[in-house]
Amino acid sequence: MRIFDSITRGLGSLRPLSDAELEDEREALRQRCAFSGHVNESSKLYDELHRYDEEMSRRANEAYVRENPNPPEPRHREHGWYLPNDD
Protein backbone atom coordinates (compact mmCIF):
# COMPACT_ATOMS: atom_id res chain seq x y z
CA MET A 1 0.00 0.00 0.00
CA ARG A 2 2.90 2.37 0.61
CA ILE A 3 3.84 2.12 -3.08
CA PHE A 4 0.46 3.56 -4.06
CA ASP A 5 0.80 6.26 -1.42
CA SER A 6 4.18 7.30 -2.78
CA ILE A 7 2.86 7.31 -6.36
CA THR A 8 -0.16 9.48 -5.49
CA ARG A 9 2.07 11.75 -3.40
CA GLY A 10 4.43 12.08 -6.35
CA LEU A 11 1.50 13.10 -8.53
CA GLY A 12 0.56 15.82 -6.05
CA SER A 13 -2.17 14.23 -3.93
CA LEU A 14 -2.32 15.13 -0.25
CA ARG A 15 -4.74 12.34 0.70
CA PRO A 16 -2.15 9.78 1.88
CA LEU A 17 -0.86 12.16 4.56
CA SER A 18 -2.19 11.89 8.09
CA ASP A 19 -3.74 14.96 9.69
CA ALA A 20 -0.63 15.64 11.78
CA GLU A 21 1.70 15.29 8.78
CA LEU A 22 -0.56 17.57 6.75
CA GLU A 23 -0.50 20.25 9.46
CA ASP A 24 3.27 20.00 9.88
CA GLU A 25 3.95 20.29 6.15
CA ARG A 26 1.49 23.18 5.83
CA GLU A 27 3.21 25.07 8.65
CA ALA A 28 6.63 24.54 7.06
CA LEU A 29 5.22 25.73 3.73
CA ARG A 30 3.63 28.78 5.39
CA GLN A 31 6.94 29.77 6.93
CA ARG A 32 8.75 29.36 3.60
CA CYS A 33 6.10 31.52 1.95
CA ALA A 34 6.32 34.20 4.64
CA PHE A 35 10.10 34.52 4.42
CA SER A 36 10.48 34.08 0.67
CA GLY A 37 12.30 36.92 -1.02
CA HIS A 38 11.13 36.24 -4.59
CA VAL A 39 7.70 37.19 -5.83
CA ASN A 40 7.33 34.20 -8.19
CA GLU A 41 8.34 31.68 -5.54
CA SER A 42 6.10 33.34 -2.97
CA SER A 43 3.15 33.21 -5.38
CA LYS A 44 3.66 29.49 -6.06
CA LEU A 45 3.96 28.75 -2.34
CA TYR A 46 0.80 30.75 -1.66
CA ASP A 47 -1.10 28.67 -4.22
CA GLU A 48 0.27 25.52 -2.60
CA LEU A 49 -0.96 26.78 0.78
CA HIS A 50 -4.47 27.03 -0.65
CA ARG A 51 -4.18 23.41 -1.79
CA TYR A 52 -3.33 22.35 1.75
CA ASP A 53 -6.20 24.46 3.15
CA GLU A 54 -8.68 22.86 0.73
CA GLU A 55 -7.57 19.38 1.76
CA MET A 56 -7.85 20.25 5.45
CA SER A 57 -11.33 21.73 4.88
CA ARG A 58 -12.41 18.65 2.95
CA ARG A 59 -11.30 16.39 5.80
CA ALA A 60 -13.02 18.57 8.40
CA ASN A 61 -16.27 18.55 6.39
CA GLU A 62 -16.14 14.76 5.99
CA ALA A 63 -15.55 14.36 9.74
CA TYR A 64 -18.51 16.63 10.48
CA VAL A 65 -20.79 14.62 8.19
CA ARG A 66 -19.65 11.37 9.85
CA GLU A 67 -20.32 12.78 13.34
CA ASN A 68 -23.68 14.35 12.41
CA PRO A 69 -25.40 12.00 9.94
CA ASN A 70 -28.89 13.48 10.55
CA PRO A 71 -28.58 17.23 10.98
CA PRO A 72 -31.48 18.94 12.76
CA GLU A 73 -34.17 20.68 10.77
CA PRO A 74 -33.77 24.44 10.47
CA ARG A 75 -35.72 26.30 13.12
CA HIS A 76 -38.33 28.74 11.88
CA ARG A 77 -39.05 31.85 13.86
CA GLU A 78 -42.53 32.80 14.95
CA HIS A 79 -42.79 35.64 12.43
CA GLY A 80 -40.98 34.02 9.53
CA TRP A 81 -37.44 33.56 8.33
CA TYR A 82 -36.15 37.10 8.07
CA LEU A 83 -38.58 39.17 10.12
CA PRO A 84 -37.57 40.64 13.47
CA ASN A 85 -39.01 39.10 16.63
CA ASP A 86 -39.56 42.39 18.45
CA ASP A 87 -43.12 43.51 17.71
PDB file of N, CA and C in Angstrom:
ATOM      1  N   MET A   1       0.808  -1.187   0.000  1.00  0.00           N
ATOM      2  CA  MET A   1       0.000   0.000   0.000  1.00  0.00           C
ATOM      3  C   MET A   1       0.857   1.258   0.000  1.00  0.00           C
ATOM      4  N   ARG A   2       2.028   1.202   0.582  1.00  0.00           N
ATOM      5  CA  ARG A   2       2.903   2.375   0.608  1.00  0.00           C
ATOM      6  C   ARG A   2       3.367   2.763  -0.787  1.00  0.00           C
ATOM      7  N   ILE A   3       3.440   1.800  -1.707  1.00  0.00           N
ATOM      8  CA  ILE A   3       3.835   2.117  -3.083  1.00  0.00           C
ATOM      9  C   ILE A   3       2.794   3.042  -3.696  1.00  0.00           C
ATOM     10  N   PHE A   4       1.515   2.722  -3.507  1.00  0.00           N
ATOM     11  CA  PHE A   4       0.460   3.562  -4.062  1.00  0.00           C
ATOM     12  C   PHE A   4       0.443   4.933  -3.402  1.00  0.00           C
ATOM     13  N   ASP A   5       0.717   4.978  -2.116  1.00  0.00           N
ATOM     14  CA  ASP A   5       0.800   6.264  -1.419  1.00  0.00           C
ATOM     15  C   ASP A   5       1.917   7.129  -1.990  1.00  0.00           C
ATOM     16  N   SER A   6       3.063   6.520  -2.243  1.00  0.00           N
ATOM     17  CA  SER A   6       4.180   7.297  -2.776  1.00  0.00           C
ATOM     18  C   SER A   6       3.906   7.750  -4.205  1.00  0.00           C
ATOM     19  N   ILE A   7       3.195   6.930  -4.978  1.00  0.00           N
ATOM     20  CA  ILE A   7       2.864   7.314  -6.359  1.00  0.00           C
ATOM     21  C   ILE A   7       1.883   8.487  -6.353  1.00  0.00           C
ATOM     22  N   THR A   8       0.816   8.378  -5.533  1.00  0.00           N
ATOM     23  CA  THR A   8      -0.157   9.476  -5.489  1.00  0.00           C
ATOM     24  C   THR A   8       0.466  10.739  -4.917  1.00  0.00           C
ATOM     25  N   ARG A   9       1.371  10.584  -3.964  1.00  0.00           N
ATOM     26  CA  ARG A   9       2.068  11.747  -3.399  1.00  0.00           C
ATOM     27  C   ARG A   9       2.950  12.395  -4.456  1.00  0.00           C
ATOM     28  N   GLY A  10       3.597  11.557  -5.285  1.00  0.00           N
ATOM     29  CA  GLY A  10       4.435  12.084  -6.351  1.00  0.00           C
ATOM     30  C   GLY A  10       3.627  12.832  -7.395  1.00  0.00           C
ATOM     31  N   LEU A  11       2.376  12.432  -7.571  1.00  0.00           N
ATOM     32  CA  LEU A  11       1.504  13.104  -8.527  1.00  0.00           C
ATOM     33  C   LEU A  11       0.832  14.340  -7.932  1.00  0.00           C
ATOM     34  N   GLY A  12       1.063  14.586  -6.652  1.00  0.00           N
ATOM     35  CA  GLY A  12       0.563  15.816  -6.048  1.00  0.00           C
ATOM     36  C   GLY A  12      -0.622  15.646  -5.126  1.00  0.00           C
ATOM     37  N   SER A  13      -1.033  14.431  -4.821  1.00  0.00           N
ATOM     38  CA  SER A  13      -2.171  14.226  -3.933  1.00  0.00           C
ATOM     39  C   SER A  13      -1.742  14.358  -2.477  1.00  0.00           C
ATOM     40  N   LEU A  14      -2.598  14.960  -1.672  1.00  0.00           N
ATOM     41  CA  LEU A  14      -2.319  15.127  -0.249  1.00  0.00           C
ATOM     42  C   LEU A  14      -3.085  14.121   0.600  1.00  0.00           C
ATOM     43  N   ARG A  15      -3.897  13.282  -0.033  1.00  0.00           N
ATOM     44  CA  ARG A  15      -4.740  12.336   0.696  1.00  0.00           C
ATOM     45  C   ARG A  15      -3.964  11.312   1.519  1.00  0.00           C
ATOM     46  N   PRO A  16      -2.828  10.800   1.078  1.00  0.00           N
ATOM     47  CA  PRO A  16      -2.147   9.778   1.883  1.00  0.00           C
ATOM     48  C   PRO A  16      -1.566  10.304   3.196  1.00  0.00           C
ATOM     49  N   LEU A  17      -1.443  11.599   3.346  1.00  0.00           N
ATOM     50  CA  LEU A  17      -0.860  12.164   4.562  1.00  0.00           C
ATOM     51  C   LEU A  17      -1.851  12.085   5.718  1.00  0.00           C
ATOM     52  N   SER A  18      -1.338  11.834   6.901  1.00  0.00           N
ATOM     53  CA  SER A  18      -2.190  11.892   8.091  1.00  0.00           C
ATOM     54  C   SER A  18      -2.463  13.356   8.413  1.00  0.00           C
ATOM     55  N   ASP A  19      -3.392  13.587   9.319  1.00  0.00           N
ATOM     56  CA  ASP A  19      -3.735  14.962   9.685  1.00  0.00           C
ATOM     57  C   ASP A  19      -2.546  15.694  10.298  1.00  0.00           C
ATOM     58  N   ALA A  20      -1.792  15.002  11.148  1.00  0.00           N
ATOM     59  CA  ALA A  20      -0.629  15.636  11.777  1.00  0.00           C
ATOM     60  C   ALA A  20       0.448  15.964  10.756  1.00  0.00           C
ATOM     61  N   GLU A  21       0.703  15.042   9.830  1.00  0.00           N
ATOM     62  CA  GLU A  21       1.700  15.292   8.781  1.00  0.00           C
ATOM     63  C   GLU A  21       1.261  16.447   7.897  1.00  0.00           C
ATOM     64  N   LEU A  22      -0.026  16.501   7.587  1.00  0.00           N
ATOM     65  CA  LEU A  22      -0.557  17.572   6.747  1.00  0.00           C
ATOM     66  C   LEU A  22      -0.370  18.925   7.424  1.00  0.00           C
ATOM     67  N   GLU A  23      -0.674  18.996   8.722  1.00  0.00           N
ATOM     68  CA  GLU A  23      -0.502  20.253   9.456  1.00  0.00           C
ATOM     69  C   GLU A  23       0.962  20.660   9.549  1.00  0.00           C
ATOM     70  N   ASP A  24       1.842  19.696   9.781  1.00  0.00           N
ATOM     71  CA  ASP A  24       3.274  20.002   9.876  1.00  0.00           C
ATOM     72  C   ASP A  24       3.826  20.517   8.555  1.00  0.00           C
ATOM     73  N   GLU A  25       3.464  19.852   7.459  1.00  0.00           N
ATOM     74  CA  GLU A  25       3.952  20.295   6.148  1.00  0.00           C
ATOM     75  C   GLU A  25       3.368  21.648   5.771  1.00  0.00           C
ATOM     76  N   ARG A  26       2.104  21.890   6.131  1.00  0.00           N
ATOM     77  CA  ARG A  26       1.492  23.180   5.825  1.00  0.00           C
ATOM     78  C   ARG A  26       2.193  24.302   6.589  1.00  0.00           C
ATOM     79  N   GLU A  27       2.526  24.054   7.856  1.00  0.00           N
ATOM     80  CA  GLU A  27       3.207  25.073   8.648  1.00  0.00           C
ATOM     81  C   GLU A  27       4.593  25.370   8.080  1.00  0.00           C
ATOM     82  N   ALA A  28       5.318  24.328   7.669  1.00  0.00           N
ATOM     83  CA  ALA A  28       6.630  24.542   7.062  1.00  0.00           C
ATOM     84  C   ALA A  28       6.492  25.343   5.762  1.00  0.00           C
ATOM     85  N   LEU A  29       5.470  25.025   4.990  1.00  0.00           N
ATOM     86  CA  LEU A  29       5.222  25.733   3.733  1.00  0.00           C
ATOM     87  C   LEU A  29       4.836  27.185   4.004  1.00  0.00           C
ATOM     88  N   ARG A  30       4.029  27.421   5.034  1.00  0.00           N
ATOM     89  CA  ARG A  30       3.629  28.782   5.385  1.00  0.00           C
ATOM     90  C   ARG A  30       4.833  29.630   5.771  1.00  0.00           C
ATOM     91  N   GLN A  31       5.744  29.036   6.531  1.00  0.00           N
ATOM     92  CA  GLN A  31       6.936  29.770   6.930  1.00  0.00           C
ATOM     93  C   GLN A  31       7.835  30.062   5.728  1.00  0.00           C
ATOM     94  N   ARG A  32       7.965  29.103   4.818  1.00  0.00           N
ATOM     95  CA  ARG A  32       8.753  29.362   3.604  1.00  0.00           C
ATOM     96  C   ARG A  32       8.125  30.470   2.784  1.00  0.00           C
ATOM     97  N   CYS A  33       6.805  30.487   2.724  1.00  0.00           N
ATOM     98  CA  CYS A  33       6.099  31.515   1.950  1.00  0.00           C
ATOM     99  C   CYS A  33       6.277  32.890   2.600  1.00  0.00           C
ATOM    100  N   ALA A  34       6.215  32.922   3.926  1.00  0.00           N
ATOM    101  CA  ALA A  34       6.324  34.205   4.637  1.00  0.00           C
ATOM    102  C   ALA A  34       7.707  34.826   4.502  1.00  0.00           C
ATOM    103  N   PHE A  35       8.735  33.995   4.458  1.00  0.00           N
ATOM    104  CA  PHE A  35      10.105  34.516   4.416  1.00  0.00           C
ATOM    105  C   PHE A  35      10.751  34.417   3.042  1.00  0.00           C
ATOM    106  N   SER A  36       9.948  34.162   2.030  1.00  0.00           N
ATOM    107  CA  SER A  36      10.477  34.077   0.670  1.00  0.00           C
ATOM    108  C   SER A  36      10.784  35.483   0.157  1.00  0.00           C
ATOM    109  N   GLY A  37      11.901  35.617  -0.507  1.00  0.00           N
ATOM    110  CA  GLY A  37      12.295  36.922  -1.015  1.00  0.00           C
ATOM    111  C   GLY A  37      11.884  37.156  -2.457  1.00  0.00           C
ATOM    112  N   HIS A  38      11.486  36.117  -3.176  1.00  0.00           N
ATOM    113  CA  HIS A  38      11.133  36.236  -4.587  1.00  0.00           C
ATOM    114  C   HIS A  38       9.622  36.213  -4.759  1.00  0.00           C
ATOM    115  N   VAL A  39       9.134  37.069  -5.617  1.00  0.00           N
ATOM    116  CA  VAL A  39       7.696  37.185  -5.830  1.00  0.00           C
ATOM    117  C   VAL A  39       7.143  35.926  -6.487  1.00  0.00           C
ATOM    118  N   ASN A  40       7.818  35.388  -7.490  1.00  0.00           N
ATOM    119  CA  ASN A  40       7.330  34.203  -8.185  1.00  0.00           C
ATOM    120  C   ASN A  40       7.267  32.995  -7.250  1.00  0.00           C
ATOM    121  N   GLU A  41       8.317  32.810  -6.469  1.00  0.00           N
ATOM    122  CA  GLU A  41       8.345  31.680  -5.539  1.00  0.00           C
ATOM    123  C   GLU A  41       7.262  31.848  -4.474  1.00  0.00           C
ATOM    124  N   SER A  42       7.107  33.059  -3.977  1.00  0.00           N
ATOM    125  CA  SER A  42       6.097  33.337  -2.968  1.00  0.00           C
ATOM    126  C   SER A  42       4.689  33.077  -3.508  1.00  0.00           C
ATOM    127  N   SER A  43       4.461  33.438  -4.760  1.00  0.00           N
ATOM    128  CA  SER A  43       3.155  33.214  -5.380  1.00  0.00           C
ATOM    129  C   SER A  43       2.857  31.720  -5.517  1.00  0.00           C
ATOM    130  N   LYS A  44       3.853  30.940  -5.931  1.00  0.00           N
ATOM    131  CA  LYS A  44       3.662  29.494  -6.063  1.00  0.00           C
ATOM    132  C   LYS A  44       3.421  28.853  -4.700  1.00  0.00           C
ATOM    133  N   LEU A  45       4.148  29.298  -3.689  1.00  0.00           N
ATOM    134  CA  LEU A  45       3.958  28.753  -2.345  1.00  0.00           C
ATOM    135  C   LEU A  45       2.588  29.127  -1.793  1.00  0.00           C
ATOM    136  N   TYR A  46       2.119  30.316  -2.104  1.00  0.00           N
ATOM    137  CA  TYR A  46       0.800  30.754  -1.657  1.00  0.00           C
ATOM    138  C   TYR A  46      -0.290  29.882  -2.274  1.00  0.00           C
ATOM    139  N   ASP A  47      -0.151  29.570  -3.563  1.00  0.00           N
ATOM    140  CA  ASP A  47      -1.103  28.673  -4.225  1.00  0.00           C
ATOM    141  C   ASP A  47      -1.065  27.284  -3.601  1.00  0.00           C
ATOM    142  N   GLU A  48       0.122  26.822  -3.245  1.00  0.00           N
ATOM    143  CA  GLU A  48       0.271  25.519  -2.600  1.00  0.00           C
ATOM    144  C   GLU A  48      -0.393  25.537  -1.218  1.00  0.00           C
ATOM    145  N   LEU A  49      -0.295  26.653  -0.514  1.00  0.00           N
ATOM    146  CA  LEU A  49      -0.963  26.785   0.782  1.00  0.00           C
ATOM    147  C   LEU A  49      -2.472  26.612   0.640  1.00  0.00           C
ATOM    148  N   HIS A  50      -3.032  27.180  -0.409  1.00  0.00           N
ATOM    149  CA  HIS A  50      -4.466  27.026  -0.652  1.00  0.00           C
ATOM    150  C   HIS A  50      -4.827  25.569  -0.898  1.00  0.00           C
ATOM    151  N   ARG A  51      -3.951  24.839  -1.563  1.00  0.00           N
ATOM    152  CA  ARG A  51      -4.182  23.409  -1.790  1.00  0.00           C
ATOM    153  C   ARG A  51      -4.245  22.651  -0.469  1.00  0.00           C
ATOM    154  N   TYR A  52      -3.333  22.973   0.432  1.00  0.00           N
ATOM    155  CA  TYR A  52      -3.332  22.347   1.749  1.00  0.00           C
ATOM    156  C   TYR A  52      -4.600  22.731   2.528  1.00  0.00           C
ATOM    157  N   ASP A  53      -4.992  23.998   2.445  1.00  0.00           N
ATOM    158  CA  ASP A  53      -6.196  24.456   3.146  1.00  0.00           C
ATOM    159  C   ASP A  53      -7.445  23.751   2.628  1.00  0.00           C
ATOM    160  N   GLU A  54      -7.534  23.564   1.312  1.00  0.00           N
ATOM    161  CA  GLU A  54      -8.678  22.863   0.732  1.00  0.00           C
ATOM    162  C   GLU A  54      -8.749  21.418   1.210  1.00  0.00           C
ATOM    163  N   GLU A  55      -7.598  20.751   1.282  1.00  0.00           N
ATOM    164  CA  GLU A  55      -7.570  19.375   1.757  1.00  0.00           C
ATOM    165  C   GLU A  55      -7.966  19.304   3.227  1.00  0.00           C
ATOM    166  N   MET A  56      -7.489  20.233   4.033  1.00  0.00           N
ATOM    167  CA  MET A  56      -7.849  20.247   5.448  1.00  0.00           C
ATOM    168  C   MET A  56      -9.341  20.538   5.625  1.00  0.00           C
ATOM    169  N   SER A  57      -9.894  21.431   4.818  1.00  0.00           N
ATOM    170  CA  SER A  57     -11.326  21.731   4.877  1.00  0.00           C
ATOM    171  C   SER A  57     -12.151  20.526   4.450  1.00  0.00           C
ATOM    172  N   ARG A  58     -11.700  19.834   3.415  1.00  0.00           N
ATOM    173  CA  ARG A  58     -12.411  18.647   2.949  1.00  0.00           C
ATOM    174  C   ARG A  58     -12.465  17.593   4.046  1.00  0.00           C
ATOM    175  N   ARG A  59     -11.340  17.377   4.718  1.00  0.00           N
ATOM    176  CA  ARG A  59     -11.298  16.393   5.804  1.00  0.00           C
ATOM    177  C   ARG A  59     -12.188  16.812   6.967  1.00  0.00           C
ATOM    178  N   ALA A  60     -12.182  18.090   7.302  1.00  0.00           N
ATOM    179  CA  ALA A  60     -13.025  18.575   8.399  1.00  0.00           C
ATOM    180  C   ALA A  60     -14.503  18.418   8.055  1.00  0.00           C
ATOM    181  N   ASN A  61     -14.877  18.706   6.812  1.00  0.00           N
ATOM    182  CA  ASN A  61     -16.268  18.550   6.390  1.00  0.00           C
ATOM    183  C   ASN A  61     -16.692  17.087   6.414  1.00  0.00           C
ATOM    184  N   GLU A  62     -15.820  16.186   5.957  1.00  0.00           N
ATOM    185  CA  GLU A  62     -16.136  14.759   5.991  1.00  0.00           C
ATOM    186  C   GLU A  62     -16.293  14.276   7.431  1.00  0.00           C
ATOM    187  N   ALA A  63     -15.447  14.747   8.328  1.00  0.00           N
ATOM    188  CA  ALA A  63     -15.546  14.359   9.738  1.00  0.00           C
ATOM    189  C   ALA A  63     -16.856  14.872  10.334  1.00  0.00           C
ATOM    190  N   TYR A  64     -17.253  16.076   9.970  1.00  0.00           N
ATOM    191  CA  TYR A  64     -18.509  16.631  10.483  1.00  0.00           C
ATOM    192  C   TYR A  64     -19.694  15.807  10.006  1.00  0.00           C
ATOM    193  N   VAL A  65     -19.690  15.420   8.736  1.00  0.00           N
ATOM    194  CA  VAL A  65     -20.792  14.624   8.189  1.00  0.00           C
ATOM    195  C   VAL A  65     -20.847  13.258   8.872  1.00  0.00           C
ATOM    196  N   ARG A  66     -19.670  12.669   9.149  1.00  0.00           N
ATOM    197  CA  ARG A  66     -19.653  11.373   9.850  1.00  0.00           C
ATOM    198  C   ARG A  66     -20.207  11.508  11.266  1.00  0.00           C
ATOM    199  N   GLU A  67     -19.876  12.584  11.956  1.00  0.00           N
ATOM    200  CA  GLU A  67     -20.321  12.777  13.337  1.00  0.00           C
ATOM    201  C   GLU A  67     -21.783  13.209  13.431  1.00  0.00           C
ATOM    202  N   ASN A  68     -22.295  13.854  12.408  1.00  0.00           N
ATOM    203  CA  ASN A  68     -23.681  14.348  12.414  1.00  0.00           C
ATOM    204  C   ASN A  68     -24.413  13.835  11.173  1.00  0.00           C
ATOM    205  N   PRO A  69     -24.779  12.552  11.148  1.00  0.00           N
ATOM    206  CA  PRO A  69     -25.401  12.002   9.943  1.00  0.00           C
ATOM    207  C   PRO A  69     -26.792  12.568   9.673  1.00  0.00           C
ATOM    208  N   ASN A  70     -27.535  12.924  10.722  1.00  0.00           N
ATOM    209  CA  ASN A  70     -28.885  13.475  10.552  1.00  0.00           C
ATOM    210  C   ASN A  70     -28.930  14.861  11.174  1.00  0.00           C
ATOM    211  N   PRO A  71     -28.590  15.883  10.404  1.00  0.00           N
ATOM    212  CA  PRO A  71     -28.579  17.230  10.975  1.00  0.00           C
ATOM    213  C   PRO A  71     -29.998  17.655  11.351  1.00  0.00           C
ATOM    214  N   PRO A  72     -30.148  18.497  12.351  1.00  0.00           N
ATOM    215  CA  PRO A  72     -31.483  18.937  12.765  1.00  0.00           C
ATOM    216  C   PRO A  72     -32.123  19.803  11.688  1.00  0.00           C
ATOM    217  N   GLU A  73     -33.424  19.830  11.708  1.00  0.00           N
ATOM    218  CA  GLU A  73     -34.166  20.676  10.771  1.00  0.00           C
ATOM    219  C   GLU A  73     -33.944  22.142  11.130  1.00  0.00           C
ATOM    220  N   PRO A  74     -33.930  23.026  10.144  1.00  0.00           N
ATOM    221  CA  PRO A  74     -33.767  24.443  10.466  1.00  0.00           C
ATOM    222  C   PRO A  74     -34.956  24.947  11.289  1.00  0.00           C
ATOM    223  N   ARG A  75     -34.665  25.768  12.262  1.00  0.00           N
ATOM    224  CA  ARG A  75     -35.723  26.303  13.119  1.00  0.00           C
ATOM    225  C   ARG A  75     -36.319  27.546  12.474  1.00  0.00           C
ATOM    226  N   HIS A  76     -37.636  27.590  12.444  1.00  0.00           N
ATOM    227  CA  HIS A  76     -38.333  28.744  11.883  1.00  0.00           C
ATOM    228  C   HIS A  76     -38.785  29.643  13.028  1.00  0.00           C
ATOM    229  N   ARG A  77     -38.618  30.905  12.834  1.00  0.00           N
ATOM    230  CA  ARG A  77     -39.046  31.851  13.860  1.00  0.00           C
ATOM    231  C   ARG A  77     -40.549  32.051  13.794  1.00  0.00           C
ATOM    232  N   GLU A  78     -41.080  32.613  14.845  1.00  0.00           N
ATOM    233  CA  GLU A  78     -42.527  32.799  14.946  1.00  0.00           C
ATOM    234  C   GLU A  78     -43.067  33.665  13.813  1.00  0.00           C
ATOM    235  N   HIS A  79     -42.317  34.699  13.434  1.00  0.00           N
ATOM    236  CA  HIS A  79     -42.794  35.645  12.430  1.00  0.00           C
ATOM    237  C   HIS A  79     -42.208  35.395  11.044  1.00  0.00           C
ATOM    238  N   GLY A  80     -41.540  34.308  10.841  1.00  0.00           N
ATOM    239  CA  GLY A  80     -40.977  34.021   9.532  1.00  0.00           C
ATOM    240  C   GLY A  80     -39.467  33.985   9.586  1.00  0.00           C
ATOM    241  N   TRP A  81     -38.873  33.755   8.428  1.00  0.00           N
ATOM    242  CA  TRP A  81     -37.436  33.562   8.334  1.00  0.00           C
ATOM    243  C   TRP A  81     -36.651  34.824   8.657  1.00  0.00           C
ATOM    244  N   TYR A  82     -37.009  35.927   8.011  1.00  0.00           N
ATOM    245  CA  TYR A  82     -36.148  37.100   8.069  1.00  0.00           C
ATOM    246  C   TYR A  82     -36.798  38.287   8.798  1.00  0.00           C
ATOM    247  N   LEU A  83     -37.894  38.067   9.457  1.00  0.00           N
ATOM    248  CA  LEU A  83     -38.584  39.166  10.119  1.00  0.00           C
ATOM    249  C   LEU A  83     -38.092  39.282  11.557  1.00  0.00           C
ATOM    250  N   PRO A  84     -38.026  40.495  12.095  1.00  0.00           N
ATOM    251  CA  PRO A  84     -37.571  40.645  13.474  1.00  0.00           C
ATOM    252  C   PRO A  84     -38.605  40.081  14.457  1.00  0.00           C
ATOM    253  N   ASN A  85     -38.155  39.711  15.627  1.00  0.00           N
ATOM    254  CA  ASN A  85     -39.011  39.102  16.632  1.00  0.00           C
ATOM    255  C   ASN A  85     -39.534  40.123  17.635  1.00  0.00           C
ATOM    256  N   ASP A  86     -39.171  41.363  17.482  1.00  0.00           N
ATOM    257  CA  ASP A  86     -39.564  42.394  18.448  1.00  0.00           C
ATOM    258  C   ASP A  86     -40.720  43.231  17.918  1.00  0.00           C
ATOM    259  N   ASP A  87     -41.934  42.791  18.190  1.00  0.00           N
ATOM    260  CA  ASP A  87     -43.124  43.514  17.708  1.00  0.00           C
ATOM    261  C   ASP A  87     -43.516  44.590  18.670  1.00  0.00           C
TER     262      ASP A  87
END
